[in-house]
Amino acid sequence: MNVRDPLPPEDREHQSALGGDTPAERRIKNILDAAVSEENPTPRRRRYRETSQSPGGEAQRYGSAGPESVSRETGPSYGYAAGGTDPVFRSQDDLSNDGGERGGMRKSTTQRGRSGRHTAPEAATDDSGRRSGKRAATSRAKTSSANGRNATTAPADDSATRVQDQGDEIPQQGNPLEDDLPLAREAQRAVRVLNPAGAISMPRPPRRRVFAVANQKGGVGKTTSAVNIAVALALHGNRVMVIDLDPQGNASTGLGVEHGAGTPSVYEALVDGMPLDEIAQRVEGIPSLHCIPATIDLAGAEVELVNVVAREARLQKTIEAYGGELDYIFIDCPPSLGLLTVNALVAAEEVLIPIQCEYYALEGLGQLLRNIELVKAHLNSRLRVSTILLTMYDKRTKLADQVEQEVRGHFSEIVLDAVVPRSVRVSEAPGYGQSIMTYDPGSRGATSYFEAAEEIARRGAKLNPRRAGQQNEKDGK
């Protein structure tokens, strides 16, 4: 080896094929060739490829990472001399005796390892010319891969070397419409629930329907169901009123109406006979929805009505005296079977029973049905259980499915097809003074209550324009 020349004789023969004799050009070529070898693997320690003819017409052969490449593991290295077909054995001692430049190249190549990453630490400190050369080479390789063609590397004599470039293949981008599909579906549900056009998409009943939302078991979703179904009907063209008959005033909170101490409420209507026109509050943002709020004073109404004649019909007379046009009235009953609930059952024509998909809810349902039959026999012959809504359904549990099957098997047609799932969003909405329909209209809870309201509206459109009591009187005559 010539001491003045750091490159061995076989490497000097490669200078014409590498496109230059400067260390930067050889390093760039070395990195590009390493990328090619990674995408076209050959048996370990014998990686090579054929290049195009050199300017002298003689085929040049060299290692996978260029003539300066070394073994990636401890051991000898094989290469091919110019114009020959036999491999040239080079030991580690020969490689270690090379000049400083080859030492630097060996370090750069070794640091790449088997990961396939083609950026050596020295490249970060090279000048801008080296970096631009690497970027240009990488750009050509990616462009060729995107077009499905072989990448071409051009030596100094403009002769092309074609290789199959797969490692730098650009990953296919997903369809933007498919990526946005869940958001698009949620937006469609929100528009459907909110009905910004204000069209009457739910049919109005031929006569006013008065519902008592009752279940003596607490925490089954009475207030939530009454509020959300009322909002859904009002958003789609129906005129609705919600009467909060629970001293806790949760329905008033859910609709965002004032129900503090001193506010005219349903207590004044029951005890003092105040007309509902003076008590009703319009719900903000929903002009066709009104609410009769409840205050803590209502807790003492049962005691004050003990000595009043026909105390169980006080609410019925108040509703009949209301002069406004309404399609639906929902009475939110307290979780008990006291005088307030009896007033609601006497004033109503239909009972909506929310049932939580658990065993305890079924246990209390039988007692509720017996009380309804007593009221129907002695106080309100028009009363009937027309709607049952399954709430807090958890599809992960087998119990919820068993409860649903048992309820549908026993009550069949009066059970709504819509089932309200257990949802955190439904529980969050009252904290903001809103229903789930306006708080998160694209959620599962809003969609379920919207479907329940649709079923109630469709059933109401088929009702006889005359009340059941009026029809019975006509048939008797």
Protein backbone atom coordinates (compact mmCIF):
# COMPACT_ATOMS: atom_id res chain seq x y z
CA MET A 1 0.00 0.00 0.00
CA ASN A 2 1.27 3.43 -0.86
CA VAL A 3 1.76 5.42 2.33
CA ARG A 4 1.02 8.70 0.58
CA ASP A 5 -2.24 7.40 -0.82
CA PRO A 6 -4.77 6.38 1.87
CA LEU A 7 -6.82 4.31 -0.57
CA PRO A 8 -5.79 0.77 -1.64
CA PRO A 9 -5.26 0.05 -5.36
CA GLU A 10 -8.60 -1.72 -5.82
CA ASP A 11 -10.46 1.30 -4.41
CA ARG A 12 -8.70 3.74 -6.71
CA GLU A 13 -10.01 1.73 -9.63
CA HIS A 14 -13.55 2.51 -8.47
CA GLN A 15 -13.16 6.27 -8.66
CA SER A 16 -14.55 6.54 -12.14
CA ALA A 17 -17.65 4.49 -11.28
CA LEU A 18 -18.29 6.43 -8.09
CA GLY A 19 -18.53 9.67 -9.97
CA GLY A 20 -15.66 11.50 -8.24
CA ASP A 21 -12.65 11.10 -6.05
CA THR A 22 -13.52 13.42 -3.18
CA PRO A 23 -14.42 11.90 0.19
CA ALA A 24 -17.83 13.68 0.21
CA GLU A 25 -18.86 12.18 -3.15
CA ARG A 26 -17.75 8.73 -2.11
CA ARG A 27 -19.67 9.05 1.16
CA ILE A 28 -22.86 10.11 -0.60
CA LYS A 29 -22.50 7.26 -3.04
CA ASN A 30 -21.84 4.90 -0.17
CA ILE A 31 -25.07 5.92 1.61
CA LEU A 32 -27.14 5.60 -1.57
CA ASP A 33 -25.75 2.17 -2.32
CA ALA A 34 -26.45 1.03 1.24
CA ALA A 35 -30.10 1.94 0.72
CA VAL A 36 -30.19 -0.12 -2.45
CA SER A 37 -28.63 -3.14 -0.76
CA GLU A 38 -31.15 -3.01 2.09
CA GLU A 39 -34.06 -3.23 -0.39
CA ASN A 40 -32.45 -6.07 -2.39
CA PRO A 41 -30.99 -8.33 0.31
CA THR A 42 -28.48 -11.00 -0.64
CA PRO A 43 -26.77 -13.60 1.53
CA ARG A 44 -24.91 -12.02 4.43
CA ARG A 45 -21.35 -10.88 3.70
CA ARG A 46 -21.80 -11.42 -0.05
CA ARG A 47 -23.99 -8.47 -0.95
CA TYR A 48 -23.26 -6.93 -4.30
CA ARG A 49 -24.92 -5.68 -7.43
CA GLU A 50 -23.86 -5.05 -10.97
CA THR A 51 -23.51 -1.52 -12.20
CA SER A 52 -23.61 -0.21 -15.72
CA GLN A 53 -20.55 -0.11 -17.89
CA SER A 54 -17.79 2.23 -16.86
CA PRO A 55 -16.43 4.75 -19.32
CA GLY A 56 -13.79 2.23 -20.31
CA GLY A 57 -16.40 -0.36 -21.23
CA GLU A 58 -15.49 -2.65 -18.32
CA ALA A 59 -18.16 -3.73 -15.82
CA GLN A 60 -17.50 -2.58 -12.29
CA ARG A 61 -18.41 -4.57 -9.22
CA TYR A 62 -18.29 -3.42 -5.64
CA GLY A 63 -19.75 -4.09 -2.23
CA SER A 64 -23.30 -3.30 -1.15
CA ALA A 65 -22.28 -0.09 0.58
CA GLY A 66 -19.65 1.02 -1.91
CA PRO A 67 -16.01 0.06 -2.27
CA GLU A 68 -15.32 1.45 1.17
CA SER A 69 -17.92 -0.76 2.86
CA VAL A 70 -16.98 -3.07 5.63
CA SER A 71 -18.57 -6.02 7.30
CA ARG A 72 -21.45 -5.17 9.65
CA GLU A 73 -20.34 -7.85 12.02
CA THR A 74 -16.96 -8.88 13.30
CA GLY A 75 -15.33 -10.95 10.59
CA PRO A 76 -13.77 -10.76 7.14
CA SER A 77 -15.17 -8.74 4.28
CA TYR A 78 -15.68 -9.82 0.68
CA GLY A 79 -15.57 -7.60 -2.39
CA TYR A 80 -15.08 -7.94 -6.12
CA ALA A 81 -12.19 -6.48 -7.97
CA ALA A 82 -12.69 -4.60 -11.20
CA GLY A 83 -13.18 -6.82 -14.20
CA GLY A 84 -13.10 -10.01 -12.16
CA THR A 85 -15.59 -12.56 -10.93
CA ASP A 86 -13.73 -13.97 -7.93
CA PRO A 87 -14.28 -12.40 -4.56
CA VAL A 88 -11.40 -10.62 -2.93
CA PHE A 89 -10.85 -11.66 0.69
CA ARG A 90 -9.98 -8.78 2.98
CA SER A 91 -9.29 -9.42 6.64
CA GLN A 92 -9.99 -7.07 9.51
CA ASP A 93 -6.28 -6.29 9.73
CA ASP A 94 -6.28 -5.00 6.15
CA LEU A 95 -9.30 -2.87 6.87
CA SER A 96 -7.79 -1.47 10.06
CA ASN A 97 -4.64 -0.46 8.20
CA ASP A 98 -6.51 1.81 5.82
CA GLY A 99 -6.10 5.59 6.06
CA GLY A 100 -8.00 8.07 8.15
CA GLU A 101 -10.64 8.53 5.53
CA ARG A 102 -11.46 4.84 5.46
CA GLY A 103 -11.52 4.81 9.24
CA GLY A 104 -14.13 7.53 9.17
CA MET A 105 -16.15 5.67 6.54
CA ARG A 106 -15.91 2.46 8.55
CA LYS A 107 -17.25 4.26 11.63
CA SER A 108 -20.07 5.81 9.64
CA THR A 109 -21.09 2.50 8.13
CA THR A 110 -20.85 0.57 11.38
CA GLN A 111 -23.01 3.09 13.24
CA ARG A 112 -25.78 2.52 10.77
CA GLY A 113 -26.12 -1.06 12.04
CA ARG A 114 -28.92 -3.27 10.84
CA SER A 115 -31.71 -0.78 11.38
CA GLY A 116 -31.62 0.34 7.78
CA ARG A 117 -31.24 4.02 8.69
CA HIS A 118 -28.98 5.69 6.20
CA THR A 119 -27.89 8.81 8.07
CA ALA A 120 -24.44 8.66 9.67
CA PRO A 121 -23.47 10.90 12.58
CA GLU A 122 -20.82 12.60 10.49
CA ALA A 123 -23.44 13.67 7.97
CA ALA A 124 -24.96 16.03 10.52
CA THR A 125 -21.74 18.04 10.61
CA ASP A 126 -21.10 18.06 6.86
CA ASP A 127 -21.46 21.23 4.88
CA SER A 128 -24.68 22.23 3.12
CA GLY A 129 -23.50 20.74 -0.17
CA ARG A 130 -23.38 17.25 1.28
CA ARG A 131 -26.81 17.52 2.86
CA SER A 132 -28.36 18.85 -0.33
CA GLY A 133 -26.84 15.97 -2.25
CA LYS A 134 -28.34 13.45 0.12
CA ARG A 135 -31.74 15.13 -0.04
CA ALA A 136 -31.67 15.11 -3.82
CA ALA A 137 -30.80 11.40 -3.88
CA THR A 138 -33.53 10.52 -1.41
CA SER A 139 -36.07 12.62 -3.31
CA ARG A 140 -35.26 10.80 -6.57
CA ALA A 141 -35.68 7.43 -4.88
CA LYS A 142 -39.06 8.34 -3.35
CA THR A 143 -40.35 9.80 -6.61
CA SER A 144 -39.46 6.65 -8.47
CA SER A 145 -41.15 4.49 -5.83
CA ALA A 146 -44.36 6.55 -5.96
CA ASN A 147 -44.62 6.02 -9.73
CA GLY A 148 -44.07 2.30 -9.36
CA ARG A 149 -40.82 2.34 -11.35
CA ASN A 150 -37.26 1.36 -10.53
CA ALA A 151 -35.08 4.02 -8.99
CA THR A 152 -32.13 5.20 -11.08
CA THR A 153 -28.77 6.31 -9.79
CA ALA A 154 -26.65 8.22 -12.29
CA PRO A 155 -22.81 8.00 -12.16
CA ALA A 156 -20.57 10.65 -13.69
CA ASP A 157 -20.94 9.21 -17.21
CA ASP A 158 -24.80 9.55 -17.06
CA SER A 159 -25.25 5.78 -17.30
CA ALA A 160 -28.20 4.64 -15.12
CA THR A 161 -28.31 1.91 -12.53
CA ARG A 162 -31.85 0.61 -11.99
CA VAL A 163 -32.84 -1.00 -8.69
CA GLN A 164 -36.17 -1.92 -7.14
CA ASP A 165 -36.81 0.62 -4.38
CA GLN A 166 -39.32 -0.68 -1.85
CA GLY A 167 -37.99 0.49 1.50
CA ASP A 168 -38.62 4.16 0.74
CA GLU A 169 -42.13 3.46 -0.53
CA ILE A 170 -44.47 6.28 0.51
CA PRO A 171 -47.30 4.90 2.69
CA GLN A 172 -50.69 5.22 1.07
CA GLN A 173 -52.85 7.90 2.63
CA GLY A 174 -56.36 6.98 3.71
CA ASN A 175 -59.38 8.46 2.08
CA PRO A 176 -60.11 11.76 3.89
CA LEU A 177 -63.83 11.11 3.60
CA GLU A 178 -63.48 7.75 5.32
CA ASP A 179 -61.30 9.24 8.07
CA ASP A 180 -63.95 11.88 8.76
CA LEU A 181 -66.83 9.43 8.54
CA PRO A 182 -67.47 9.10 12.32
CA LEU A 183 -67.49 12.87 12.72
CA ALA A 184 -69.73 13.22 9.70
CA ARG A 185 -72.19 10.72 11.14
CA GLU A 186 -72.21 12.53 14.47
CA ALA A 187 -72.84 15.83 12.71
CA GLN A 188 -75.73 14.31 10.80
CA ARG A 189 -77.26 13.00 14.02
CA ALA A 190 -76.86 16.41 15.64
CA VAL A 191 -78.62 18.16 12.75
CA ARG A 192 -81.36 15.58 12.83
CA VAL A 193 -81.91 16.05 16.58
CA LEU A 194 -81.70 19.85 16.67
CA ASN A 195 -83.81 20.41 13.54
CA PRO A 196 -82.39 23.89 12.81
CA ALA A 197 -84.87 24.40 9.96
CA GLY A 198 -87.76 24.26 12.44
CA ALA A 199 -89.82 21.89 10.31
CA ILE A 200 -92.65 19.88 11.87
CA SER A 201 -90.98 16.51 11.41
CA MET A 202 -92.89 14.77 14.23
CA PRO A 203 -96.66 14.60 13.67
CA ARG A 204 -98.90 16.41 16.12
CA PRO A 205 -101.58 14.40 17.89
CA PRO A 206 -105.24 15.07 17.07
CA ARG A 207 -105.84 16.03 20.73
CA ARG A 208 -103.82 16.98 23.77
CA ARG A 209 -101.93 14.11 25.39
CA VAL A 210 -101.18 14.24 29.12
CA PHE A 211 -98.50 11.87 30.41
CA ALA A 212 -97.67 11.05 34.01
CA VAL A 213 -94.03 9.94 34.09
CA ALA A 214 -94.18 7.71 37.15
CA ASN A 215 -92.22 5.04 38.97
CA GLN A 216 -92.03 4.87 42.75
CA LYS A 217 -88.45 3.64 42.54
CA GLY A 218 -85.97 6.50 42.44
CA GLY A 219 -83.05 6.82 40.06
CA VAL A 220 -84.64 5.06 37.08
CA GLY A 221 -84.62 8.07 34.77
CA LYS A 222 -88.06 9.63 35.25
CA THR A 223 -86.91 13.24 35.21
CA THR A 224 -84.29 12.67 32.52
CA SER A 225 -86.80 10.93 30.27
CA ALA A 226 -89.52 13.54 30.79
CA VAL A 227 -87.15 16.44 30.05
CA ASN A 228 -85.44 14.96 27.01
CA ILE A 229 -88.55 13.59 25.35
CA ALA A 230 -90.30 16.93 25.89
CA VAL A 231 -87.35 18.81 24.34
CA ALA A 232 -87.20 16.42 21.37
CA LEU A 233 -90.91 16.88 20.63
CA ALA A 234 -90.69 20.67 21.02
CA LEU A 235 -87.70 20.90 18.68
CA HIS A 236 -89.71 19.17 15.97
CA GLY A 237 -92.83 21.27 15.88
CA ASN A 238 -94.89 20.15 18.89
CA ARG A 239 -96.17 22.43 21.67
CA VAL A 240 -95.10 20.92 24.97
CA MET A 241 -95.34 21.70 28.68
CA VAL A 242 -93.42 20.03 31.50
CA ILE A 243 -94.93 20.14 35.01
CA ASP A 244 -92.34 19.53 37.69
CA LEU A 245 -94.20 17.79 40.52
CA ASP A 246 -91.09 16.68 42.39
CA PRO A 247 -90.09 18.90 45.37
CA GLN A 248 -86.44 18.40 44.39
CA GLY A 249 -87.05 20.46 41.25
CA ASN A 250 -84.73 18.41 39.03
CA ALA A 251 -86.86 18.86 35.92
CA SER A 252 -86.71 22.63 36.39
CA THR A 253 -82.92 22.41 36.67
CA GLY A 254 -82.66 20.28 33.54
CA LEU A 255 -84.63 22.81 31.53
CA GLY A 256 -82.71 25.77 32.92
CA VAL A 257 -85.66 27.63 34.43
CA GLU A 258 -85.68 29.56 37.69
CA HIS A 259 -87.05 27.62 40.68
CA GLY A 260 -85.61 29.32 43.71
CA ALA A 261 -87.49 30.32 46.82
CA GLY A 262 -90.24 32.83 46.09
CA THR A 263 -90.64 31.80 42.45
CA PRO A 264 -94.26 31.10 41.42
CA SER A 265 -94.45 27.33 41.11
CA VAL A 266 -96.77 24.36 40.99
CA TYR A 267 -97.22 24.70 44.74
CA GLU A 268 -99.23 27.90 44.23
CA ALA A 269 -101.29 26.10 41.59
CA LEU A 270 -102.17 23.21 43.92
CA VAL A 271 -102.69 25.05 47.17
CA ASP A 272 -103.78 28.55 46.13
CA GLY A 273 -105.35 27.74 42.75
CA MET A 274 -103.07 30.10 40.78
CA PRO A 275 -103.58 29.69 36.99
CA LEU A 276 -100.81 27.95 35.07
CA ASP A 277 -100.65 30.87 32.65
CA GLU A 278 -99.12 32.99 35.41
CA ILE A 279 -96.64 30.32 36.45
CA ALA A 280 -95.42 28.87 33.15
CA GLN A 281 -91.89 29.82 32.08
CA ARG A 282 -90.65 29.57 28.55
CA VAL A 283 -87.52 27.46 28.11
CA GLU A 284 -84.65 29.45 26.65
CA GLY A 285 -83.92 28.62 23.03
CA ILE A 286 -87.06 26.48 22.57
CA PRO A 287 -90.09 28.76 22.09
CA SER A 288 -92.65 25.95 21.97
CA LEU A 289 -91.59 24.45 25.31
CA HIS A 290 -92.88 25.70 28.68
CA CYS A 291 -92.14 24.57 32.20
CA ILE A 292 -94.08 24.77 35.46
CA PRO A 293 -91.25 24.82 38.03
CA ALA A 294 -91.20 23.22 41.46
CA THR A 295 -89.78 24.72 44.65
CA ILE A 296 -89.02 23.28 48.04
CA ASP A 297 -92.42 24.56 49.21
CA LEU A 298 -93.98 21.65 47.37
CA ALA A 299 -92.72 19.29 50.09
CA GLY A 300 -95.39 20.66 52.43
CA ALA A 301 -98.23 20.53 49.93
CA GLU A 302 -99.38 17.05 50.96
CA VAL A 303 -99.87 18.18 54.56
CA GLU A 304 -101.69 21.35 53.56
CA LEU A 305 -104.06 19.47 51.24
CA VAL A 306 -105.18 16.93 53.83
CA ASN A 307 -108.40 18.79 54.70
CA VAL A 308 -109.12 20.05 51.16
CA VAL A 309 -112.11 18.55 49.37
CA ALA A 310 -111.22 16.56 46.25
CA ARG A 311 -107.54 17.09 46.97
CA GLU A 312 -106.56 14.33 44.53
CA ALA A 313 -108.05 16.31 41.60
CA ARG A 314 -106.42 19.70 42.25
CA LEU A 315 -103.89 19.34 39.45
CA GLN A 316 -106.49 18.07 37.00
CA LYS A 317 -108.64 21.18 37.44
CA THR A 318 -105.64 23.43 37.03
CA ILE A 319 -104.63 21.78 33.74
CA GLU A 320 -108.17 21.89 32.35
CA ALA A 321 -108.30 25.63 33.09
CA TYR A 322 -105.15 26.33 31.10
CA GLY A 323 -106.04 28.27 27.97
CA GLY A 324 -102.91 27.76 25.88
CA GLU A 325 -102.67 25.37 22.98
CA LEU A 326 -100.63 22.31 23.84
CA ASP A 327 -99.95 18.99 22.18
CA TYR A 328 -98.18 17.27 25.08
CA ILE A 329 -98.04 17.69 28.84
CA PHE A 330 -95.48 15.68 30.80
CA ILE A 331 -95.90 15.51 34.60
CA ASP A 332 -92.68 14.54 36.34
CA CYS A 333 -93.78 12.60 39.44
CA PRO A 334 -91.80 12.22 42.67
CA PRO A 335 -90.36 8.79 43.57
CA SER A 336 -93.28 7.86 45.82
CA LEU A 337 -96.95 6.91 45.74
CA GLY A 338 -98.18 9.81 47.84
CA LEU A 339 -100.74 12.50 47.19
CA LEU A 340 -98.62 14.29 44.61
CA THR A 341 -98.31 11.15 42.48
CA VAL A 342 -102.04 10.47 42.85
CA ASN A 343 -102.75 14.01 41.60
CA ALA A 344 -100.60 13.31 38.55
CA LEU A 345 -102.36 9.99 37.83
CA VAL A 346 -105.79 11.61 38.11
CA ALA A 347 -104.82 14.49 35.81
CA ALA A 348 -103.19 12.27 33.18
CA GLU A 349 -104.65 10.00 30.56
CA GLU A 350 -101.50 8.00 29.88
CA VAL A 351 -98.66 6.71 32.04
CA LEU A 352 -95.08 6.60 30.84
CA ILE A 353 -93.01 4.22 32.98
CA PRO A 354 -89.21 4.39 32.71
CA ILE A 355 -87.66 1.08 33.77
CA GLN A 356 -84.02 0.72 34.63
CA CYS A 357 -82.57 -2.50 33.26
CA GLU A 358 -81.97 -4.01 36.70
CA TYR A 359 -83.82 -6.40 38.98
CA TYR A 360 -84.95 -3.86 41.59
CA ALA A 361 -86.79 -1.87 38.92
CA LEU A 362 -88.82 -4.94 37.99
CA GLU A 363 -89.63 -5.65 41.63
CA GLY A 364 -91.29 -2.25 42.11
CA LEU A 365 -93.13 -2.34 38.78
CA GLY A 366 -95.80 -4.73 40.03
CA GLN A 367 -96.74 -2.45 42.94
CA LEU A 368 -96.94 0.56 40.62
CA LEU A 369 -99.28 -1.26 38.24
CA ARG A 370 -101.59 -2.21 41.12
CA ASN A 371 -101.81 1.42 42.24
CA ILE A 372 -102.56 2.52 38.70
CA GLU A 373 -105.41 0.04 38.55
CA LEU A 374 -106.80 1.41 41.83
CA VAL A 375 -106.73 4.97 40.52
CA LYS A 376 -108.34 3.86 37.28
CA ALA A 377 -111.13 2.04 39.12
CA HIS A 378 -112.00 4.84 41.55
CA LEU A 379 -110.67 8.19 40.31
CA ASN A 380 -109.76 8.20 36.59
CA SER A 381 -111.32 5.69 34.28
CA ARG A 382 -109.41 7.08 31.28
CA LEU A 383 -106.01 6.22 32.74
CA ARG A 384 -103.92 3.60 30.98
CA VAL A 385 -100.28 2.56 30.77
CA SER A 386 -99.41 3.44 27.19
CA THR A 387 -95.61 3.61 27.16
CA ILE A 388 -92.70 1.81 28.80
CA LEU A 389 -89.16 3.03 28.17
CA LEU A 390 -86.08 0.98 29.04
CA THR A 391 -83.33 3.18 30.45
CA MET A 392 -79.73 2.83 31.62
CA TYR A 393 -79.19 -0.17 29.38
CA ASP A 394 -75.68 -1.58 29.63
CA LYS A 395 -74.99 -3.93 26.74
CA ARG A 396 -71.90 -5.30 28.49
CA THR A 397 -74.01 -7.08 31.12
CA LYS A 398 -76.16 -10.13 30.63
CA LEU A 399 -78.62 -8.87 33.25
CA ALA A 400 -79.63 -5.89 31.11
CA ASP A 401 -80.45 -8.19 28.21
CA GLN A 402 -82.48 -10.49 30.44
CA VAL A 403 -84.48 -7.59 31.88
CA GLU A 404 -85.21 -6.26 28.40
CA GLN A 405 -86.41 -9.65 27.18
CA GLU A 406 -88.63 -10.13 30.22
CA VAL A 407 -90.22 -6.69 29.94
CA ARG A 408 -90.82 -7.03 26.20
CA GLY A 409 -92.22 -10.51 26.65
CA HIS A 410 -94.73 -9.35 29.28
CA PHE A 411 -95.79 -5.92 27.96
CA SER A 412 -95.03 -6.42 24.26
CA GLU A 413 -96.48 -3.54 22.22
CA ILE A 414 -96.37 -0.74 24.78
CA VAL A 415 -92.57 -1.06 25.17
CA LEU A 416 -90.75 1.39 22.93
CA ASP A 417 -88.25 0.00 20.47
CA ALA A 418 -85.77 2.72 21.47
CA VAL A 419 -83.56 1.83 24.43
CA VAL A 420 -81.66 4.51 26.33
CA PRO A 421 -78.07 3.40 27.04
CA ARG A 422 -76.11 4.25 30.14
CA SER A 423 -74.25 7.43 29.18
CA VAL A 424 -72.09 9.87 31.09
CA ARG A 425 -73.09 12.67 28.71
CA VAL A 426 -76.73 12.31 29.75
CA SER A 427 -75.72 12.75 33.39
CA GLU A 428 -73.52 15.75 32.60
CA ALA A 429 -76.17 17.78 30.78
CA PRO A 430 -78.22 18.92 33.85
CA GLY A 431 -75.08 20.40 35.38
CA TYR A 432 -75.14 22.93 32.54
CA GLY A 433 -78.88 23.57 32.80
CA GLN A 434 -79.53 21.74 29.53
CA SER A 435 -81.04 18.55 28.22
CA ILE A 436 -78.90 16.04 26.38
CA MET A 437 -80.66 17.10 23.17
CA THR A 438 -79.03 20.53 23.29
CA TYR A 439 -75.92 19.68 25.33
CA ASP A 440 -74.61 16.95 23.01
CA PRO A 441 -77.10 16.35 20.19
CA GLY A 442 -74.80 13.91 18.40
CA SER A 443 -74.39 11.56 21.35
CA ARG A 444 -75.95 8.13 21.73
CA GLY A 445 -78.19 9.33 24.55
CA ALA A 446 -79.62 12.16 22.45
CA THR A 447 -80.22 9.82 19.53
CA SER A 448 -82.01 7.31 21.77
CA TYR A 449 -84.34 9.90 23.29
CA PHE A 450 -85.00 11.34 19.84
CA GLU A 451 -86.05 7.91 18.59
CA ALA A 452 -88.25 7.43 21.66
CA ALA A 453 -89.95 10.78 20.98
CA GLU A 454 -90.50 9.78 17.35
CA GLU A 455 -92.27 6.58 18.42
CA ILE A 456 -94.48 8.48 20.86
CA ALA A 457 -95.38 11.00 18.14
CA ARG A 458 -96.22 8.31 15.60
CA ARG A 459 -98.44 6.52 18.07
CA GLY A 460 -100.13 9.78 19.02
CA ALA A 461 -100.95 10.56 15.39
CA LYS A 462 -103.12 7.41 15.31
CA LEU A 463 -105.22 8.34 18.34
CA ASN A 464 -108.93 9.03 18.14
CA PRO A 465 -109.60 12.80 18.21
CA ARG A 466 -112.14 12.24 21.00
CA ARG A 467 -111.02 11.38 24.50
CA ALA A 468 -111.79 7.93 25.82
CA GLY A 469 -114.31 9.31 28.33
CA GLN A 470 -116.12 11.33 25.66
CA GLN A 471 -116.25 8.31 23.37
CA ASN A 472 -117.72 6.13 26.10
CA GLU A 473 -120.42 8.75 26.86
CA LYS A 474 -121.34 8.91 23.15
CA ASP A 475 -121.58 5.13 22.91
CA GLY A 476 -123.80 5.06 26.04
CA LYS A 477 -126.26 7.48 24.50
